[in-house]
Amino acid sequence: MRREHAQVEQVFADLEASALAHLPSGKFTANAAWLTLAATAYNLARVAGHLASTFHARARSGTIRRHLIHIPARIATGARRFTLHLPQRWPWADDFAALWTATGHRMRT
C-alpha cells in the first residue's frame, strides 16, 4: 500500500498558503467569488509552470510566483510597444523565455 498523499492534498495546501488563507468577507457570495478567482489564479500559475520548465511543472505555486510572475524587470515603452529589460544574470531567464515563447510571443534580444 502506498503512503503518499493524494495529489489534491497538495492543491489544497497550495491554495491555503495563498488566497484561501483568509476569506475576505462574511458574505457567502463574496467568498464564493473569491474562491473562484483563487482557483482560476492557481490554475493559470500551474499552466505557466508547465510551459516554463520541468522544474516549475513540479514546483509549488509560491515558487512559480517568485520565479516567473514577480520578475525583476524594467519596463520601457517606445514605438507603441512595451519592452521588458530582464537582468543579465537572472537565474530564471531561460524558463521565463520558454514561457514567453510558449504563449506565442518571441523574445527580442
PDB file of N, CA and C in Angstrom:
ATOM      1  N   MET A   1       0.838  -1.174   0.000  1.00  0.00           N
ATOM      2  CA  MET A   1       0.000   0.000   0.000  1.00  0.00           C
ATOM      3  C   MET A   1       0.890   1.247   0.000  1.00  0.00           C
ATOM      4  N   ARG A   2       0.493   2.213  -0.755  1.00  0.00           N
ATOM      5  CA  ARG A   2       1.279   3.444  -0.863  1.00  0.00           C
ATOM      6  C   ARG A   2       0.918   4.402   0.262  1.00  0.00           C
ATOM      7  N   ARG A   3       1.908   5.098   0.756  1.00  0.00           N
ATOM      8  CA  ARG A   3       1.693   6.036   1.858  1.00  0.00           C
ATOM      9  C   ARG A   3       1.828   7.483   1.410  1.00  0.00           C
ATOM     10  N   GLU A   4       1.648   7.741   0.130  1.00  0.00           N
ATOM     11  CA  GLU A   4       1.754   9.100  -0.376  1.00  0.00           C
ATOM     12  C   GLU A   4       0.412   9.810  -0.259  1.00  0.00           C
ATOM     13  N   HIS A   5       0.493  11.131  -0.134  1.00  0.00           N
ATOM     14  CA  HIS A   5      -0.727  11.927  -0.132  1.00  0.00           C
ATOM     15  C   HIS A   5      -1.309  11.958  -1.532  1.00  0.00           C
ATOM     16  N   ALA A   6      -2.591  12.106  -1.587  1.00  0.00           N
ATOM     17  CA  ALA A   6      -3.224  12.292  -2.888  1.00  0.00           C
ATOM     18  C   ALA A   6      -2.789  13.640  -3.456  1.00  0.00           C
ATOM     19  N   GLN A   7      -2.824  13.756  -4.748  1.00  0.00           N
ATOM     20  CA  GLN A   7      -2.380  14.993  -5.393  1.00  0.00           C
ATOM     21  C   GLN A   7      -3.257  16.176  -4.982  1.00  0.00           C
ATOM     22  N   VAL A   8      -4.499  15.918  -4.685  1.00  0.00           N
ATOM     23  CA  VAL A   8      -5.401  17.008  -4.311  1.00  0.00           C
ATOM     24  C   VAL A   8      -4.993  17.626  -2.973  1.00  0.00           C
ATOM     25  N   GLU A   9      -4.318  16.862  -2.125  1.00  0.00           N
ATOM     26  CA  GLU A   9      -3.840  17.417  -0.854  1.00  0.00           C
ATOM     27  C   GLU A   9      -2.844  18.550  -1.098  1.00  0.00           C
ATOM     28  N   GLN A  10      -1.992  18.382  -2.107  1.00  0.00           N
ATOM     29  CA  GLN A  10      -1.028  19.426  -2.451  1.00  0.00           C
ATOM     30  C   GLN A  10      -1.736  20.665  -2.980  1.00  0.00           C
ATOM     31  N   VAL A  11      -2.799  20.468  -3.746  1.00  0.00           N
ATOM     32  CA  VAL A  11      -3.580  21.593  -4.264  1.00  0.00           C
ATOM     33  C   VAL A  11      -4.188  22.374  -3.105  1.00  0.00           C
ATOM     34  N   PHE A  12      -4.786  21.673  -2.157  1.00  0.00           N
ATOM     35  CA  PHE A  12      -5.381  22.352  -1.007  1.00  0.00           C
ATOM     36  C   PHE A  12      -4.316  23.085  -0.194  1.00  0.00           C
ATOM     37  N   ALA A  13      -3.161  22.466   0.004  1.00  0.00           N
ATOM     38  CA  ALA A  13      -2.087  23.123   0.756  1.00  0.00           C
ATOM     39  C   ALA A  13      -1.620  24.383   0.042  1.00  0.00           C
ATOM     40  N   ASP A  14      -1.490  24.314  -1.286  1.00  0.00           N
ATOM     41  CA  ASP A  14      -1.087  25.493  -2.057  1.00  0.00           C
ATOM     42  C   ASP A  14      -2.118  26.608  -1.958  1.00  0.00           C
ATOM     43  N   LEU A  15      -3.386  26.262  -2.092  1.00  0.00           N
ATOM     44  CA  LEU A  15      -4.441  27.276  -2.027  1.00  0.00           C
ATOM     45  C   LEU A  15      -4.546  27.882  -0.631  1.00  0.00           C
ATOM     46  N   GLU A  16      -4.411  27.047   0.400  1.00  0.00           N
ATOM     47  CA  GLU A  16      -4.498  27.559   1.767  1.00  0.00           C
ATOM     48  C   GLU A  16      -3.292  28.422   2.127  1.00  0.00           C
ATOM     49  N   ALA A  17      -2.173  28.209   1.457  1.00  0.00           N
ATOM     50  CA  ALA A  17      -0.985  29.027   1.713  1.00  0.00           C
ATOM     51  C   ALA A  17      -1.032  30.348   0.959  1.00  0.00           C
ATOM     52  N   SER A  18      -2.013  30.527   0.108  1.00  0.00           N
ATOM     53  CA  SER A  18      -2.085  31.771  -0.667  1.00  0.00           C
ATOM     54  C   SER A  18      -3.446  32.436  -0.472  1.00  0.00           C
ATOM     55  N   ALA A  19      -4.270  32.408  -1.472  1.00  0.00           N
ATOM     56  CA  ALA A  19      -5.506  33.196  -1.476  1.00  0.00           C
ATOM     57  C   ALA A  19      -6.553  32.706  -0.484  1.00  0.00           C
ATOM     58  N   LEU A  20      -6.517  31.442  -0.127  1.00  0.00           N
ATOM     59  CA  LEU A  20      -7.536  30.943   0.793  1.00  0.00           C
ATOM     60  C   LEU A  20      -7.111  31.008   2.252  1.00  0.00           C
ATOM     61  N   ALA A  21      -5.993  31.662   2.529  1.00  0.00           N
ATOM     62  CA  ALA A  21      -5.557  31.792   3.915  1.00  0.00           C
ATOM     63  C   ALA A  21      -6.591  32.572   4.727  1.00  0.00           C
ATOM     64  N   HIS A  22      -7.147  33.608   4.116  1.00  0.00           N
ATOM     65  CA  HIS A  22      -8.171  34.410   4.779  1.00  0.00           C
ATOM     66  C   HIS A  22      -9.222  34.788   3.748  1.00  0.00           C
ATOM     67  N   LEU A  23     -10.438  34.349   3.963  1.00  0.00           N
ATOM     68  CA  LEU A  23     -11.518  34.770   3.077  1.00  0.00           C
ATOM     69  C   LEU A  23     -11.865  36.219   3.406  1.00  0.00           C
ATOM     70  N   PRO A  24     -12.154  37.030   2.399  1.00  0.00           N
ATOM     71  CA  PRO A  24     -12.246  38.471   2.608  1.00  0.00           C
ATOM     72  C   PRO A  24     -13.528  38.965   3.261  1.00  0.00           C
ATOM     73  N   SER A  25     -14.551  38.142   3.335  1.00  0.00           N
ATOM     74  CA  SER A  25     -15.838  38.681   3.748  1.00  0.00           C
ATOM     75  C   SER A  25     -16.598  37.667   4.588  1.00  0.00           C
ATOM     76  N   GLY A  26     -17.614  38.147   5.248  1.00  0.00           N
ATOM     77  CA  GLY A  26     -18.521  37.267   5.958  1.00  0.00           C
ATOM     78  C   GLY A  26     -19.712  36.878   5.101  1.00  0.00           C
ATOM     79  N   LYS A  27     -19.736  37.341   3.873  1.00  0.00           N
ATOM     80  CA  LYS A  27     -20.855  37.058   2.970  1.00  0.00           C
ATOM     81  C   LYS A  27     -20.492  35.908   2.041  1.00  0.00           C
ATOM     82  N   PHE A  28     -21.429  35.006   1.884  1.00  0.00           N
ATOM     83  CA  PHE A  28     -21.189  33.811   1.085  1.00  0.00           C
ATOM     84  C   PHE A  28     -20.867  34.148  -0.364  1.00  0.00           C
ATOM     85  N   THR A  29     -21.615  35.055  -0.969  1.00  0.00           N
ATOM     86  CA  THR A  29     -21.404  35.342  -2.394  1.00  0.00           C
ATOM     87  C   THR A  29     -20.032  35.972  -2.645  1.00  0.00           C
ATOM     88  N   ALA A  30     -19.589  36.839  -1.747  1.00  0.00           N
ATOM     89  CA  ALA A  30     -18.258  37.435  -1.901  1.00  0.00           C
ATOM     90  C   ALA A  30     -17.174  36.370  -1.756  1.00  0.00           C
ATOM     91  N   ASN A  31     -17.327  35.486  -0.784  1.00  0.00           N
ATOM     92  CA  ASN A  31     -16.351  34.417  -0.599  1.00  0.00           C
ATOM     93  C   ASN A  31     -16.378  33.422  -1.755  1.00  0.00           C
ATOM     94  N   ALA A  32     -17.550  33.175  -2.326  1.00  0.00           N
ATOM     95  CA  ALA A  32     -17.646  32.283  -3.485  1.00  0.00           C
ATOM     96  C   ALA A  32     -16.920  32.883  -4.682  1.00  0.00           C
ATOM     97  N   ALA A  33     -17.067  34.185  -4.878  1.00  0.00           N
ATOM     98  CA  ALA A  33     -16.346  34.850  -5.967  1.00  0.00           C
ATOM     99  C   ALA A  33     -14.845  34.795  -5.711  1.00  0.00           C
ATOM    100  N   TRP A  34     -14.427  35.022  -4.468  1.00  0.00           N
ATOM    101  CA  TRP A  34     -13.011  34.961  -4.105  1.00  0.00           C
ATOM    102  C   TRP A  34     -12.449  33.562  -4.372  1.00  0.00           C
ATOM    103  N   LEU A  35     -13.196  32.542  -4.003  1.00  0.00           N
ATOM    104  CA  LEU A  35     -12.760  31.165  -4.227  1.00  0.00           C
ATOM    105  C   LEU A  35     -12.619  30.869  -5.716  1.00  0.00           C
ATOM    106  N   THR A  36     -13.555  31.354  -6.517  1.00  0.00           N
ATOM    107  CA  THR A  36     -13.486  31.155  -7.966  1.00  0.00           C
ATOM    108  C   THR A  36     -12.245  31.827  -8.547  1.00  0.00           C
ATOM    109  N   LEU A  37     -11.983  33.055  -8.135  1.00  0.00           N
ATOM    110  CA  LEU A  37     -10.798  33.765  -8.622  1.00  0.00           C
ATOM    111  C   LEU A  37      -9.504  33.116  -8.125  1.00  0.00           C
ATOM    112  N   ALA A  38      -9.509  32.625  -6.895  1.00  0.00           N
ATOM    113  CA  ALA A  38      -8.322  31.953  -6.360  1.00  0.00           C
ATOM    114  C   ALA A  38      -8.028  30.673  -7.138  1.00  0.00           C
ATOM    115  N   ALA A  39      -9.061  29.900  -7.449  1.00  0.00           N
ATOM    116  CA  ALA A  39      -8.866  28.671  -8.224  1.00  0.00           C
ATOM    117  C   ALA A  39      -8.393  28.981  -9.640  1.00  0.00           C
ATOM    118  N   THR A  40      -8.932  30.041 -10.232  1.00  0.00           N
ATOM    119  CA  THR A  40      -8.501  30.439 -11.576  1.00  0.00           C
ATOM    120  C   THR A  40      -7.035  30.872 -11.565  1.00  0.00           C
ATOM    121  N   ALA A  41      -6.643  31.678 -10.591  1.00  0.00           N
ATOM    122  CA  ALA A  41      -5.249  32.122 -10.486  1.00  0.00           C
ATOM    123  C   ALA A  41      -4.316  30.934 -10.248  1.00  0.00           C
ATOM    124  N   TYR A  42      -4.738  29.996  -9.414  1.00  0.00           N
ATOM    125  CA  TYR A  42      -3.928  28.802  -9.152  1.00  0.00           C
ATOM    126  C   TYR A  42      -3.728  28.005 -10.440  1.00  0.00           C
ATOM    127  N   ASN A  43      -4.803  27.789 -11.183  1.00  0.00           N
ATOM    128  CA  ASN A  43      -4.705  27.021 -12.427  1.00  0.00           C
ATOM    129  C   ASN A  43      -3.831  27.725 -13.460  1.00  0.00           C
ATOM    130  N   LEU A  44      -3.942  29.051 -13.571  1.00  0.00           N
ATOM    131  CA  LEU A  44      -3.090  29.792 -14.503  1.00  0.00           C
ATOM    132  C   LEU A  44      -1.614  29.692 -14.106  1.00  0.00           C
ATOM    133  N   ALA A  45      -1.332  29.752 -12.816  1.00  0.00           N
ATOM    134  CA  ALA A  45       0.055  29.613 -12.356  1.00  0.00           C
ATOM    135  C   ALA A  45       0.586  28.217 -12.652  1.00  0.00           C
ATOM    136  N   ARG A  46      -0.241  27.200 -12.471  1.00  0.00           N
ATOM    137  CA  ARG A  46       0.187  25.825 -12.764  1.00  0.00           C
ATOM    138  C   ARG A  46       0.484  25.653 -14.251  1.00  0.00           C
ATOM    139  N   VAL A  47      -0.370  26.211 -15.099  1.00  0.00           N
ATOM    140  CA  VAL A  47      -0.136  26.125 -16.546  1.00  0.00           C
ATOM    141  C   VAL A  47       1.154  26.851 -16.910  1.00  0.00           C
ATOM    142  N   ALA A  48       1.372  28.019 -16.328  1.00  0.00           N
ATOM    143  CA  ALA A  48       2.613  28.759 -16.588  1.00  0.00           C
ATOM    144  C   ALA A  48       3.825  27.935 -16.171  1.00  0.00           C
ATOM    145  N   GLY A  49       3.735  27.255 -15.051  1.00  0.00           N
ATOM    146  CA  GLY A  49       4.831  26.403 -14.607  1.00  0.00           C
ATOM    147  C   GLY A  49       5.115  25.269 -15.568  1.00  0.00           C
ATOM    148  N   HIS A  50       4.057  24.649 -16.066  1.00  0.00           N
ATOM    149  CA  HIS A  50       4.234  23.554 -17.030  1.00  0.00           C
ATOM    150  C   HIS A  50       4.838  24.050 -18.335  1.00  0.00           C
ATOM    151  N   LEU A  51       4.469  25.241 -18.759  1.00  0.00           N
ATOM    152  CA  LEU A  51       5.012  25.781 -20.004  1.00  0.00           C
ATOM    153  C   LEU A  51       6.463  26.237 -19.854  1.00  0.00           C
ATOM    154  N   ALA A  52       6.864  26.597 -18.644  1.00  0.00           N
ATOM    155  CA  ALA A  52       8.196  27.166 -18.431  1.00  0.00           C
ATOM    156  C   ALA A  52       9.288  26.102 -18.389  1.00  0.00           C
ATOM    157  N   SER A  53       9.138  25.108 -17.531  1.00  0.00           N
ATOM    158  CA  SER A  53      10.202  24.103 -17.381  1.00  0.00           C
ATOM    159  C   SER A  53       9.683  22.915 -16.584  1.00  0.00           C
ATOM    160  N   THR A  54      10.463  21.842 -16.584  1.00  0.00           N
ATOM    161  CA  THR A  54      10.070  20.671 -15.798  1.00  0.00           C
ATOM    162  C   THR A  54      10.202  20.955 -14.301  1.00  0.00           C
ATOM    163  N   PHE A  55      11.175  21.788 -13.924  1.00  0.00           N
ATOM    164  CA  PHE A  55      11.290  22.168 -12.514  1.00  0.00           C
ATOM    165  C   PHE A  55      10.036  22.899 -12.054  1.00  0.00           C
ATOM    166  N   HIS A  56       9.589  23.876 -12.836  1.00  0.00           N
ATOM    167  CA  HIS A  56       8.418  24.660 -12.452  1.00  0.00           C
ATOM    168  C   HIS A  56       7.125  23.870 -12.623  1.00  0.00           C
ATOM    169  N   ALA A  57       7.134  22.826 -13.428  1.00  0.00           N
ATOM    170  CA  ALA A  57       5.945  21.986 -13.550  1.00  0.00           C
ATOM    171  C   ALA A  57       5.649  21.275 -12.236  1.00  0.00           C
ATOM    172  N   ARG A  58       6.680  21.010 -11.444  1.00  0.00           N
ATOM    173  CA  ARG A  58       6.503  20.318 -10.166  1.00  0.00           C
ATOM    174  C   ARG A  58       6.557  21.264  -8.967  1.00  0.00           C
ATOM    175  N   ALA A  59       6.853  22.529  -9.214  1.00  0.00           N
ATOM    176  CA  ALA A  59       7.029  23.491  -8.120  1.00  0.00           C
ATOM    177  C   ALA A  59       5.685  23.908  -7.531  1.00  0.00           C
ATOM    178  N   ARG A  60       5.734  24.391  -6.306  1.00  0.00           N
ATOM    179  CA  ARG A  60       4.531  24.925  -5.672  1.00  0.00           C
ATOM    180  C   ARG A  60       4.210  26.275  -6.286  1.00  0.00           C
ATOM    181  N   SER A  61       2.985  26.717  -6.099  1.00  0.00           N
ATOM    182  CA  SER A  61       2.555  27.958  -6.750  1.00  0.00           C
ATOM    183  C   SER A  61       3.321  29.175  -6.225  1.00  0.00           C
ATOM    184  N   GLY A  62       3.757  29.159  -4.975  1.00  0.00           N
ATOM    185  CA  GLY A  62       4.562  30.266  -4.458  1.00  0.00           C
ATOM    186  C   GLY A  62       5.895  30.388  -5.177  1.00  0.00           C
ATOM    187  N   THR A  63       6.503  29.262  -5.493  1.00  0.00           N
ATOM    188  CA  THR A  63       7.759  29.271  -6.247  1.00  0.00           C
ATOM    189  C   THR A  63       7.537  29.807  -7.647  1.00  0.00           C
ATOM    190  N   ILE A  64       6.444  29.404  -8.272  1.00  0.00           N
ATOM    191  CA  ILE A  64       6.130  29.896  -9.617  1.00  0.00           C
ATOM    192  C   ILE A  64       5.926  31.405  -9.581  1.00  0.00           C
ATOM    193  N   ARG A  65       5.229  31.895  -8.560  1.00  0.00           N
ATOM    194  CA  ARG A  65       5.030  33.346  -8.439  1.00  0.00           C
ATOM    195  C   ARG A  65       6.361  34.066  -8.277  1.00  0.00           C
ATOM    196  N   ARG A  66       7.238  33.555  -7.407  1.00  0.00           N
ATOM    197  CA  ARG A  66       8.530  34.217  -7.163  1.00  0.00           C
ATOM    198  C   ARG A  66       9.451  34.159  -8.373  1.00  0.00           C
ATOM    199  N   HIS A  67       9.441  33.056  -9.112  1.00  0.00           N
ATOM    200  CA  HIS A  67      10.392  32.884 -10.217  1.00  0.00           C
ATOM    201  C   HIS A  67       9.893  33.426 -11.547  1.00  0.00           C
ATOM    202  N   LEU A  68       8.590  33.333 -11.816  1.00  0.00           N
ATOM    203  CA  LEU A  68       8.096  33.632 -13.161  1.00  0.00           C
ATOM    204  C   LEU A  68       7.098  34.784 -13.242  1.00  0.00           C
ATOM    205  N   ILE A  69       6.459  35.126 -12.146  1.00  0.00           N
ATOM    206  CA  ILE A  69       5.427  36.171 -12.199  1.00  0.00           C
ATOM    207  C   ILE A  69       5.953  37.478 -11.612  1.00  0.00           C
ATOM    208  N   HIS A  70       6.577  37.422 -10.459  1.00  0.00           N
ATOM    209  CA  HIS A  70       7.163  38.622  -9.842  1.00  0.00           C
ATOM    210  C   HIS A  70       8.584  38.770 -10.366  1.00  0.00           C
ATOM    211  N   ILE A  71       8.706  39.191 -11.598  1.00  0.00           N
ATOM    212  CA  ILE A  71      10.018  39.211 -12.241  1.00  0.00           C
ATOM    213  C   ILE A  71      10.704  40.563 -12.036  1.00  0.00           C
ATOM    214  N   PRO A  72      12.027  40.549 -11.884  1.00  0.00           N
ATOM    215  CA  PRO A  72      12.765  41.799 -11.683  1.00  0.00           C
ATOM    216  C   PRO A  72      13.094  42.461 -13.016  1.00  0.00           C
ATOM    217  N   ALA A  73      12.105  43.011 -13.663  1.00  0.00           N
ATOM    218  CA  ALA A  73      12.314  43.596 -14.994  1.00  0.00           C
ATOM    219  C   ALA A  73      12.036  45.091 -14.967  1.00  0.00           C
ATOM    220  N   ARG A  74      12.652  45.778 -15.897  1.00  0.00           N
ATOM    221  CA  ARG A  74      12.373  47.193 -16.124  1.00  0.00           C
ATOM    222  C   ARG A  74      11.543  47.275 -17.394  1.00  0.00           C
ATOM    223  N   ILE A  75      10.449  48.008 -17.344  1.00  0.00           N
ATOM    224  CA  ILE A  75       9.560  48.138 -18.495  1.00  0.00           C
ATOM    225  C   ILE A  75       9.852  49.458 -19.190  1.00  0.00           C
ATOM    226  N   ALA A  76      10.077  49.378 -20.497  1.00  0.00           N
ATOM    227  CA  ALA A  76      10.312  50.575 -21.305  1.00  0.00           C
ATOM    228  C   ALA A  76       9.277  50.609 -22.420  1.00  0.00           C
ATOM    229  N   THR A  77       8.885  51.809 -22.811  1.00  0.00           N
ATOM    230  CA  THR A  77       7.935  51.956 -23.910  1.00  0.00           C
ATOM    231  C   THR A  77       8.584  52.750 -25.027  1.00  0.00           C
ATOM    232  N   GLY A  78       8.168  52.423 -26.217  1.00  0.00           N
ATOM    233  CA  GLY A  78       8.660  53.142 -27.384  1.00  0.00           C
ATOM    234  C   GLY A  78       8.072  52.535 -28.640  1.00  0.00           C
ATOM    235  N   ALA A  79       7.751  53.362 -29.601  1.00  0.00           N
ATOM    236  CA  ALA A  79       7.166  52.910 -30.869  1.00  0.00           C
ATOM    237  C   ALA A  79       5.912  52.073 -30.624  1.00  0.00           C
ATOM    238  N   ARG A  80       5.099  52.516 -29.673  1.00  0.00           N
ATOM    239  CA  ARG A  80       3.837  51.864 -29.335  1.00  0.00           C
ATOM    240  C   ARG A  80       3.984  50.400 -28.925  1.00  0.00           C
ATOM    241  N   ARG A  81       5.086  50.055 -28.280  1.00  0.00           N
ATOM    242  CA  ARG A  81       5.253  48.699 -27.770  1.00  0.00           C
ATOM    243  C   ARG A  81       6.008  48.742 -26.449  1.00  0.00           C
ATOM    244  N   PHE A  82       5.770  47.717 -25.644  1.00  0.00           N
ATOM    245  CA  PHE A  82       6.443  47.578 -24.359  1.00  0.00           C
ATOM    246  C   PHE A  82       7.663  46.683 -24.527  1.00  0.00           C
ATOM    247  N   THR A  83       8.719  46.992 -23.786  1.00  0.00           N
ATOM    248  CA  THR A  83       9.922  46.167 -23.791  1.00  0.00           C
ATOM    249  C   THR A  83      10.281  45.836 -22.353  1.00  0.00           C
ATOM    250  N   LEU A  84      10.470  44.543 -22.068  1.00  0.00           N
ATOM    251  CA  LEU A  84      10.919  44.098 -20.756  1.00  0.00           C
ATOM    252  C   LEU A  84      12.433  43.963 -20.786  1.00  0.00           C
ATOM    253  N   HIS A  85      13.101  44.642 -19.878  1.00  0.00           N
ATOM    254  CA  HIS A  85      14.551  44.520 -19.749  1.00  0.00           C
ATOM    255  C   HIS A  85      14.822  43.653 -18.522  1.00  0.00           C
ATOM    256  N   LEU A  86      15.198  42.403 -18.764  1.00  0.00           N
ATOM    257  CA  LEU A  86      15.484  41.464 -17.684  1.00  0.00           C
ATOM    258  C   LEU A  86      16.939  41.600 -17.252  1.00  0.00           C
ATOM    259  N   PRO A  87      17.244  41.298 -15.987  1.00  0.00           N
ATOM    260  CA  PRO A  87      18.641  41.331 -15.546  1.00  0.00           C
ATOM    261  C   PRO A  87      19.483  40.322 -16.333  1.00  0.00           C
ATOM    262  N   GLN A  88      20.739  40.628 -16.554  1.00  0.00           N
ATOM    263  CA  GLN A  88      21.592  39.757 -17.360  1.00  0.00           C
ATOM    264  C   GLN A  88      21.841  38.409 -16.707  1.00  0.00           C
ATOM    265  N   ARG A  89      22.002  38.378 -15.415  1.00  0.00           N
ATOM    266  CA  ARG A  89      22.318  37.120 -14.734  1.00  0.00           C
ATOM    267  C   ARG A  89      21.137  36.582 -13.931  1.00  0.00           C
ATOM    268  N   TRP A  90      19.942  36.872 -14.343  1.00  0.00           N
ATOM    269  CA  TRP A  90      18.755  36.386 -13.646  1.00  0.00           C
ATOM    270  C   TRP A  90      18.661  34.878 -13.832  1.00  0.00           C
ATOM    271  N   PRO A  91      18.607  34.080 -12.764  1.00  0.00           N
ATOM    272  CA  PRO A  91      18.677  32.622 -12.907  1.00  0.00           C
ATOM    273  C   PRO A  91      17.480  31.995 -13.616  1.00  0.00           C
ATOM    274  N   TRP A  92      16.358  32.677 -13.689  1.00  0.00           N
ATOM    275  CA  TRP A  92      15.161  32.082 -14.291  1.00  0.00           C
ATOM    276  C   TRP A  92      14.875  32.658 -15.667  1.00  0.00           C
ATOM    277  N   ALA A  93      15.847  33.297 -16.284  1.00  0.00           N
ATOM    278  CA  ALA A  93      15.633  33.923 -17.595  1.00  0.00           C
ATOM    279  C   ALA A  93      15.281  32.901 -18.669  1.00  0.00           C
ATOM    280  N   ASP A  94      15.941  31.749 -18.679  1.00  0.00           N
ATOM    281  CA  ASP A  94      15.641  30.733 -19.691  1.00  0.00           C
ATOM    282  C   ASP A  94      14.238  30.172 -19.512  1.00  0.00           C
ATOM    283  N   ASP A  95      13.833  29.948 -18.261  1.00  0.00           N
ATOM    284  CA  ASP A  95      12.485  29.442 -18.004  1.00  0.00           C
ATOM    285  C   ASP A  95      11.433  30.477 -18.378  1.00  0.00           C
ATOM    286  N   PHE A  96      11.706  31.750 -18.074  1.00  0.00           N
ATOM    287  CA  PHE A  96      10.770  32.802 -18.459  1.00  0.00           C
ATOM    288  C   PHE A  96      10.689  32.914 -19.975  1.00  0.00           C
ATOM    289  N   ALA A  97      11.825  32.775 -20.664  1.00  0.00           N
ATOM    290  CA  ALA A  97      11.829  32.824 -22.130  1.00  0.00           C
ATOM    291  C   ALA A  97      11.027  31.664 -22.712  1.00  0.00           C
ATOM    292  N   ALA A  98      11.135  30.480 -22.107  1.00  0.00           N
ATOM    293  CA  ALA A  98      10.344  29.332 -22.569  1.00  0.00           C
ATOM    294  C   ALA A  98       8.856  29.594 -22.382  1.00  0.00           C
ATOM    295  N   LEU A  99       8.487  30.166 -21.242  1.00  0.00           N
ATOM    296  CA  LEU A  99       7.084  30.515 -21.001  1.00  0.00           C
ATOM    297  C   LEU A  99       6.617  31.574 -21.988  1.00  0.00           C
ATOM    298  N   TRP A 100       7.431  32.590 -22.204  1.00  0.00           N
ATOM    299  CA  TRP A 100       7.075  33.698 -23.098  1.00  0.00           C
ATOM    300  C   TRP A 100       6.852  33.192 -24.520  1.00  0.00           C
ATOM    301  N   THR A 101       7.749  32.345 -25.016  1.00  0.00           N
ATOM    302  CA  THR A 101       7.604  31.842 -26.387  1.00  0.00           C
ATOM    303  C   THR A 101       6.481  30.819 -26.497  1.00  0.00           C
ATOM    304  N   ALA A 102       6.210  30.077 -25.426  1.00  0.00           N
ATOM    305  CA  ALA A 102       5.114  29.104 -25.459  1.00  0.00           C
ATOM    306  C   ALA A 102       3.752  29.784 -25.544  1.00  0.00           C
ATOM    307  N   THR A 103       3.682  31.038 -25.142  1.00  0.00           N
ATOM    308  CA  THR A 103       2.413  31.765 -25.222  1.00  0.00           C
ATOM    309  C   THR A 103       2.257  32.515 -26.535  1.00  0.00           C
ATOM    310  N   GLY A 104       3.155  32.257 -27.487  1.00  0.00           N
ATOM    311  CA  GLY A 104       3.001  32.832 -28.817  1.00  0.00           C
ATOM    312  C   GLY A 104       3.764  34.113 -29.056  1.00  0.00           C
ATOM    313  N   HIS A 105       4.617  34.504 -28.133  1.00  0.00           N
ATOM    314  CA  HIS A 105       5.430  35.709 -28.291  1.00  0.00           C
ATOM    315  C   HIS A 105       6.845  35.308 -28.679  1.00  0.00           C
ATOM    316  N   ARG A 106       7.612  36.264 -29.119  1.00  0.00           N
ATOM    317  CA  ARG A 106       9.013  35.970 -29.402  1.00  0.00           C
ATOM    318  C   ARG A 106       9.879  36.894 -28.560  1.00  0.00           C
ATOM    319  N   MET A 107      11.006  36.344 -28.139  1.00  0.00           N
ATOM    320  CA  MET A 107      11.951  37.123 -27.339  1.00  0.00           C
ATOM    321  C   MET A 107      12.853  37.907 -28.278  1.00  0.00           C
ATOM    322  N   ARG A 108      12.976  39.194 -28.016  1.00  0.00           N
ATOM    323  CA  ARG A 108      13.917  40.028 -28.762  1.00  0.00           C
ATOM    324  C   ARG A 108      15.106  40.306 -27.868  1.00  0.00           C
ATOM    325  N   THR A 109      16.278  40.148 -28.394  1.00  0.00           N
ATOM    326  CA  THR A 109      17.471  40.394 -27.571  1.00  0.00           C
ATOM    327  C   THR A 109      18.195  41.628 -28.028  1.00  0.00           C
TER     328      THR A 109
END
